[in-house]
PDB file of N, CA and C in Angstrom:
ATOM      1  N   MET A   1      23.545 -21.951 -22.785  1.00  0.00           N
ATOM      2  CA  MET A   1      23.903 -21.563 -21.427  1.00  0.00           C
ATOM      3  C   MET A   1      23.463 -20.130 -21.143  1.00  0.00           C
ATOM      4  N   LYS A   2      23.709 -19.223 -22.080  1.00  0.00           N
ATOM      5  CA  LYS A   2      23.353 -17.823 -21.886  1.00  0.00           C
ATOM      6  C   LYS A   2      21.832 -17.668 -21.774  1.00  0.00           C
ATOM      7  N   LEU A   3      21.094 -18.447 -22.521  1.00  0.00           N
ATOM      8  CA  LEU A   3      19.631 -18.399 -22.470  1.00  0.00           C
ATOM      9  C   LEU A   3      19.115 -18.798 -21.087  1.00  0.00           C
ATOM     10  N   VAL A   4      19.749 -19.787 -20.472  1.00  0.00           N
ATOM     11  CA  VAL A   4      19.348 -20.237 -19.137  1.00  0.00           C
ATOM     12  C   VAL A   4      19.605 -19.134 -18.123  1.00  0.00           C
ATOM     13  N   ILE A   5      20.744 -18.471 -18.202  1.00  0.00           N
ATOM     14  CA  ILE A   5      21.072 -17.388 -17.279  1.00  0.00           C
ATOM     15  C   ILE A   5      20.081 -16.233 -17.450  1.00  0.00           C
ATOM     16  N   THR A   6      19.763 -15.904 -18.687  1.00  0.00           N
ATOM     17  CA  THR A   6      18.805 -14.833 -18.955  1.00  0.00           C
ATOM     18  C   THR A   6      17.433 -15.198 -18.401  1.00  0.00           C
ATOM     19  N   ALA A   7      16.997 -16.421 -18.576  1.00  0.00           N
ATOM     20  CA  ALA A   7      15.700 -16.871 -18.066  1.00  0.00           C
ATOM     21  C   ALA A   7      15.685 -16.802 -16.539  1.00  0.00           C
ATOM     22  N   GLN A   8      16.778 -17.218 -15.907  1.00  0.00           N
ATOM     23  CA  GLN A   8      16.851 -17.176 -14.445  1.00  0.00           C
ATOM     24  C   GLN A   8      16.803 -15.736 -13.945  1.00  0.00           C
ATOM     25  N   THR A   9      17.441 -14.829 -14.648  1.00  0.00           N
ATOM     26  CA  THR A   9      17.410 -13.413 -14.278  1.00  0.00           C
ATOM     27  C   THR A   9      15.990 -12.880 -14.352  1.00  0.00           C
ATOM     28  N   HIS A  10      15.290 -13.211 -15.419  1.00  0.00           N
ATOM     29  CA  HIS A  10      13.906 -12.753 -15.574  1.00  0.00           C
ATOM     30  C   HIS A  10      12.997 -13.358 -14.507  1.00  0.00           C
ATOM     31  N   ILE A  11      13.208 -14.613 -14.190  1.00  0.00           N
ATOM     32  CA  ILE A  11      12.413 -15.257 -13.143  1.00  0.00           C
ATOM     33  C   ILE A  11      12.665 -14.562 -11.808  1.00  0.00           C
ATOM     34  N   GLY A  12      13.900 -14.246 -11.518  1.00  0.00           N
ATOM     35  CA  GLY A  12      14.231 -13.535 -10.285  1.00  0.00           C
ATOM     36  C   GLY A  12      13.569 -12.173 -10.223  1.00  0.00           C
ATOM     37  N   GLN A  13      13.565 -11.456 -11.346  1.00  0.00           N
ATOM     38  CA  GLN A  13      12.921 -10.146 -11.394  1.00  0.00           C
ATOM     39  C   GLN A  13      11.408 -10.276 -11.212  1.00  0.00           C
ATOM     40  N   LEU A  14      10.820 -11.288 -11.815  1.00  0.00           N
ATOM     41  CA  LEU A  14       9.380 -11.521 -11.655  1.00  0.00           C
ATOM     42  C   LEU A  14       9.035 -11.863 -10.208  1.00  0.00           C
ATOM     43  N   GLU A  15       9.862 -12.678  -9.575  1.00  0.00           N
ATOM     44  CA  GLU A  15       9.625 -13.036  -8.182  1.00  0.00           C
ATOM     45  C   GLU A  15       9.696 -11.799  -7.282  1.00  0.00           C
ATOM     46  N   GLU A  16      10.644 -10.919  -7.535  1.00  0.00           N
ATOM     47  CA  GLU A  16      10.762  -9.679  -6.767  1.00  0.00           C
ATOM     48  C   GLU A  16       9.546  -8.790  -6.985  1.00  0.00           C
ATOM     49  N   SER A  17       9.070  -8.697  -8.212  1.00  0.00           N
ATOM     50  CA  SER A  17       7.874  -7.908  -8.507  1.00  0.00           C
ATOM     51  C   SER A  17       6.650  -8.479  -7.801  1.00  0.00           C
ATOM     52  N   ILE A  18       6.545  -9.787  -7.771  1.00  0.00           N
ATOM     53  CA  ILE A  18       5.426 -10.445  -7.091  1.00  0.00           C
ATOM     54  C   ILE A  18       5.480 -10.154  -5.599  1.00  0.00           C
ATOM     55  N   ARG A  19       6.661 -10.217  -4.993  1.00  0.00           N
ATOM     56  CA  ARG A  19       6.792  -9.910  -3.562  1.00  0.00           C
ATOM     57  C   ARG A  19       6.376  -8.464  -3.285  1.00  0.00           C
ATOM     58  N   GLU A  20       6.812  -7.549  -4.142  1.00  0.00           N
ATOM     59  CA  GLU A  20       6.472  -6.138  -3.975  1.00  0.00           C
ATOM     60  C   GLU A  20       4.958  -5.918  -4.095  1.00  0.00           C
ATOM     61  N   LEU A  21       4.345  -6.549  -5.092  1.00  0.00           N
ATOM     62  CA  LEU A  21       2.892  -6.423  -5.258  1.00  0.00           C
ATOM     63  C   LEU A  21       2.142  -7.019  -4.074  1.00  0.00           C
ATOM     64  N   ASN A  22       2.587  -8.146  -3.569  1.00  0.00           N
ATOM     65  CA  ASN A  22       1.953  -8.752  -2.393  1.00  0.00           C
ATOM     66  C   ASN A  22       2.056  -7.826  -1.188  1.00  0.00           C
ATOM     67  N   ASN A  23       3.181  -7.134  -1.054  1.00  0.00           N
ATOM     68  CA  ASN A  23       3.352  -6.183   0.039  1.00  0.00           C
ATOM     69  C   ASN A  23       2.320  -5.064  -0.073  1.00  0.00           C
ATOM     70  N   TYR A  24       2.150  -4.510  -1.273  1.00  0.00           N
ATOM     71  CA  TYR A  24       1.150  -3.454  -1.483  1.00  0.00           C
ATOM     72  C   TYR A  24      -0.264  -3.967  -1.182  1.00  0.00           C
ATOM     73  N   ILE A  25      -0.565  -5.158  -1.618  1.00  0.00           N
ATOM     74  CA  ILE A  25      -1.879  -5.748  -1.361  1.00  0.00           C
ATOM     75  C   ILE A  25      -2.117  -5.854   0.139  1.00  0.00           C
ATOM     76  N   ASN A  26      -1.111  -6.299   0.887  1.00  0.00           N
ATOM     77  CA  ASN A  26      -1.249  -6.427   2.338  1.00  0.00           C
ATOM     78  C   ASN A  26      -1.474  -5.074   2.999  1.00  0.00           C
ATOM     79  N   ILE A  27      -0.758  -4.049   2.547  1.00  0.00           N
ATOM     80  CA  ILE A  27      -0.926  -2.701   3.098  1.00  0.00           C
ATOM     81  C   ILE A  27      -2.339  -2.204   2.828  1.00  0.00           C
ATOM     82  N   TYR A  28      -2.809  -2.339   1.595  1.00  0.00           N
ATOM     83  CA  TYR A  28      -4.151  -1.870   1.231  1.00  0.00           C
ATOM     84  C   TYR A  28      -5.230  -2.655   1.971  1.00  0.00           C
ATOM     85  N   GLU A  29      -5.052  -3.960   2.073  1.00  0.00           N
ATOM     86  CA  GLU A  29      -6.032  -4.787   2.768  1.00  0.00           C
ATOM     87  C   GLU A  29      -6.118  -4.381   4.242  1.00  0.00           C
ATOM     88  N   SER A  30      -4.982  -4.152   4.867  1.00  0.00           N
ATOM     89  CA  SER A  30      -4.961  -3.739   6.260  1.00  0.00           C
ATOM     90  C   SER A  30      -5.690  -2.414   6.459  1.00  0.00           C
ATOM     91  N   ALA A  31      -5.443  -1.455   5.578  1.00  0.00           N
ATOM     92  CA  ALA A  31      -6.113  -0.155   5.671  1.00  0.00           C
ATOM     93  C   ALA A  31      -7.618  -0.303   5.469  1.00  0.00           C
ATOM     94  N   LEU A  32      -8.015  -1.111   4.502  1.00  0.00           N
ATOM     95  CA  LEU A  32      -9.448  -1.310   4.250  1.00  0.00           C
ATOM     96  C   LEU A  32     -10.137  -1.988   5.432  1.00  0.00           C
ATOM     97  N   ILE A  33      -9.459  -2.908   6.068  1.00  0.00           N
ATOM     98  CA  ILE A  33     -10.027  -3.569   7.243  1.00  0.00           C
ATOM     99  C   ILE A  33     -10.223  -2.557   8.365  1.00  0.00           C
ATOM    100  N   LYS A  34      -9.230  -1.695   8.588  1.00  0.00           N
ATOM    101  CA  LYS A  34      -9.370  -0.665   9.623  1.00  0.00           C
ATOM    102  C   LYS A  34     -10.524   0.281   9.309  1.00  0.00           C
ATOM    103  N   ILE A  35     -10.641   0.665   8.054  1.00  0.00           N
ATOM    104  CA  ILE A  35     -11.734   1.560   7.651  1.00  0.00           C
ATOM    105  C   ILE A  35     -13.078   0.853   7.819  1.00  0.00           C
ATOM    106  N   ALA A  36     -13.165  -0.393   7.396  1.00  0.00           N
ATOM    107  CA  ALA A  36     -14.421  -1.143   7.498  1.00  0.00           C
ATOM    108  C   ALA A  36     -14.820  -1.374   8.953  1.00  0.00           C
ATOM    109  N   ASP A  37     -13.846  -1.555   9.831  1.00  0.00           N
ATOM    110  CA  ASP A  37     -14.124  -1.811  11.240  1.00  0.00           C
ATOM    111  C   ASP A  37     -14.378  -0.535  12.037  1.00  0.00           C
ATOM    112  N   SER A  38     -14.251   0.617  11.417  1.00  0.00           N
ATOM    113  CA  SER A  38     -14.361   1.873  12.156  1.00  0.00           C
ATOM    114  C   SER A  38     -15.794   2.250  12.504  1.00  0.00           C
ATOM    115  N   GLY A  39     -16.761   1.660  11.868  1.00  0.00           N
ATOM    116  CA  GLY A  39     -18.167   1.932  12.180  1.00  0.00           C
ATOM    117  C   GLY A  39     -18.693   3.155  11.462  1.00  0.00           C
ATOM    118  N   GLU A  40     -19.977   3.370  11.593  1.00  0.00           N
ATOM    119  CA  GLU A  40     -20.643   4.457  10.876  1.00  0.00           C
ATOM    120  C   GLU A  40     -20.330   5.835  11.444  1.00  0.00           C
ATOM    121  N   GLN A  41     -19.910   5.889  12.700  1.00  0.00           N
ATOM    122  CA  GLN A  41     -19.642   7.177  13.331  1.00  0.00           C
ATOM    123  C   GLN A  41     -18.162   7.556  13.260  1.00  0.00           C
ATOM    124  N   ALA A  42     -17.432   6.935  12.381  1.00  0.00           N
ATOM    125  CA  ALA A  42     -15.995   7.179  12.278  1.00  0.00           C
ATOM    126  C   ALA A  42     -15.704   8.613  11.836  1.00  0.00           C
ATOM    127  N   ASN A  43     -14.625   9.133  12.347  1.00  0.00           N
ATOM    128  CA  ASN A  43     -14.172  10.472  12.003  1.00  0.00           C
ATOM    129  C   ASN A  43     -13.646  10.465  10.565  1.00  0.00           C
ATOM    130  N   PRO A  44     -14.212  11.282   9.682  1.00  0.00           N
ATOM    131  CA  PRO A  44     -13.770  11.299   8.279  1.00  0.00           C
ATOM    132  C   PRO A  44     -12.291  11.653   8.117  1.00  0.00           C
ATOM    133  N   ILE A  45     -11.779  12.516   8.983  1.00  0.00           N
ATOM    134  CA  ILE A  45     -10.360  12.888   8.896  1.00  0.00           C
ATOM    135  C   ILE A  45      -9.492  11.685   9.233  1.00  0.00           C
ATOM    136  N   HIS A  46      -9.909  10.925  10.244  1.00  0.00           N
ATOM    137  CA  HIS A  46      -9.169   9.712  10.608  1.00  0.00           C
ATOM    138  C   HIS A  46      -9.167   8.712   9.453  1.00  0.00           C
ATOM    139  N   LEU A  47     -10.334   8.529   8.833  1.00  0.00           N
ATOM    140  CA  LEU A  47     -10.428   7.604   7.698  1.00  0.00           C
ATOM    141  C   LEU A  47      -9.570   8.082   6.535  1.00  0.00           C
ATOM    142  N   SER A  48      -9.580   9.384   6.292  1.00  0.00           N
ATOM    143  CA  SER A  48      -8.756   9.946   5.231  1.00  0.00           C
ATOM    144  C   SER A  48      -7.280   9.706   5.517  1.00  0.00           C
ATOM    145  N   ASN A  49      -6.882   9.878   6.768  1.00  0.00           N
ATOM    146  CA  ASN A  49      -5.484   9.646   7.137  1.00  0.00           C
ATOM    147  C   ASN A  49      -5.084   8.191   6.955  1.00  0.00           C
ATOM    148  N   LEU A  50      -5.987   7.268   7.295  1.00  0.00           N
ATOM    149  CA  LEU A  50      -5.700   5.845   7.070  1.00  0.00           C
ATOM    150  C   LEU A  50      -5.473   5.564   5.586  1.00  0.00           C
ATOM    151  N   ALA A  51      -6.356   6.111   4.755  1.00  0.00           N
ATOM    152  CA  ALA A  51      -6.240   5.890   3.311  1.00  0.00           C
ATOM    153  C   ALA A  51      -4.957   6.521   2.773  1.00  0.00           C
ATOM    154  N   ARG A  52      -4.658   7.742   3.206  1.00  0.00           N
ATOM    155  CA  ARG A  52      -3.444   8.422   2.730  1.00  0.00           C
ATOM    156  C   ARG A  52      -2.189   7.660   3.139  1.00  0.00           C
ATOM    157  N   LYS A  53      -2.183   7.154   4.368  1.00  0.00           N
ATOM    158  CA  LYS A  53      -1.026   6.393   4.838  1.00  0.00           C
ATOM    159  C   LYS A  53      -0.837   5.134   3.998  1.00  0.00           C
ATOM    160  N   ALA A  54      -1.931   4.432   3.715  1.00  0.00           N
ATOM    161  CA  ALA A  54      -1.856   3.205   2.907  1.00  0.00           C
ATOM    162  C   ALA A  54      -1.364   3.500   1.501  1.00  0.00           C
ATOM    163  N   LEU A  55      -1.754   4.662   0.976  1.00  0.00           N
ATOM    164  CA  LEU A  55      -1.349   5.033  -0.382  1.00  0.00           C
ATOM    165  C   LEU A  55       0.046   5.646  -0.429  1.00  0.00           C
ATOM    166  N   GLY A  56       0.612   5.898   0.745  1.00  0.00           N
ATOM    167  CA  GLY A  56       1.959   6.456   0.785  1.00  0.00           C
ATOM    168  C   GLY A  56       1.998   7.951   0.553  1.00  0.00           C
ATOM    169  N   TRP A  57       0.871   8.630   0.754  1.00  0.00           N
ATOM    170  CA  TRP A  57       0.820  10.077   0.563  1.00  0.00           C
ATOM    171  C   TRP A  57       1.466  10.762   1.749  1.00  0.00           C
ATOM    172  N   GLU A  58       2.157  11.839   1.478  1.00  0.00           N
ATOM    173  CA  GLU A  58       2.730  12.633   2.554  1.00  0.00           C
ATOM    174  C   GLU A  58       1.736  13.712   2.953  1.00  0.00           C
ATOM    175  N   GLU A  59       1.783  14.108   4.215  1.00  0.00           N
ATOM    176  CA  GLU A  59       0.907  15.177   4.674  1.00  0.00           C
ATOM    177  C   GLU A  59       1.317  16.493   4.041  1.00  0.00           C
ATOM    178  N   THR A  60       0.340  17.308   3.798  1.00  0.00           N
ATOM    179  CA  THR A  60       0.600  18.650   3.275  1.00  0.00           C
ATOM    180  C   THR A  60       0.351  19.654   4.391  1.00  0.00           C
ATOM    181  N   THR A  61       0.704  20.880   4.153  1.00  0.00           N
ATOM    182  CA  THR A  61       0.473  21.931   5.143  1.00  0.00           C
ATOM    183  C   THR A  61      -1.012  22.040   5.455  1.00  0.00           C
ATOM    184  N   ALA A  62      -1.863  21.935   4.464  1.00  0.00           N
ATOM    185  CA  ALA A  62      -3.315  22.014   4.671  1.00  0.00           C
ATOM    186  C   ALA A  62      -3.789  20.905   5.575  1.00  0.00           C
ATOM    187  N   ASP A  63      -3.210  19.710   5.448  1.00  0.00           N
ATOM    188  CA  ASP A  63      -3.614  18.581   6.292  1.00  0.00           C
ATOM    189  C   ASP A  63      -3.353  18.886   7.762  1.00  0.00           C
ATOM    190  N   GLU A  64      -2.284  19.588   8.068  1.00  0.00           N
ATOM    191  CA  GLU A  64      -1.956  19.914   9.449  1.00  0.00           C
ATOM    192  C   GLU A  64      -3.049  20.782  10.061  1.00  0.00           C
ATOM    193  N   PHE A  65      -3.606  21.709   9.299  1.00  0.00           N
ATOM    194  CA  PHE A  65      -4.624  22.612   9.804  1.00  0.00           C
ATOM    195  C   PHE A  65      -6.002  21.963   9.864  1.00  0.00           C
ATOM    196  N   ASN A  66      -6.192  20.853   9.163  1.00  0.00           N
ATOM    197  CA  ASN A  66      -7.486  20.185   9.135  1.00  0.00           C
ATOM    198  C   ASN A  66      -7.645  19.148  10.238  1.00  0.00           C
ATOM    199  N   LYS A  67      -6.650  19.007  11.091  1.00  0.00           N
ATOM    200  CA  LYS A  67      -6.720  18.005  12.168  1.00  0.00           C
ATOM    201  C   LYS A  67      -7.546  18.519  13.315  1.00  0.00           C
TER     202      LYS A  67
END
């Protein structure tokens, strides 16, 4: 009985990890699509901001002055 409960707990944890990874994949895919659709004349700062947002980076003081 204890083995079944332990297995179910691990399965639940794996399912949660899979959901979290799928969420990250969706965020990255969305950012890459926006970058790919931006064209050759895209603003590099805008592209950098898209990538930073997807990666979860916070803006720094230097970023504020580079806008």
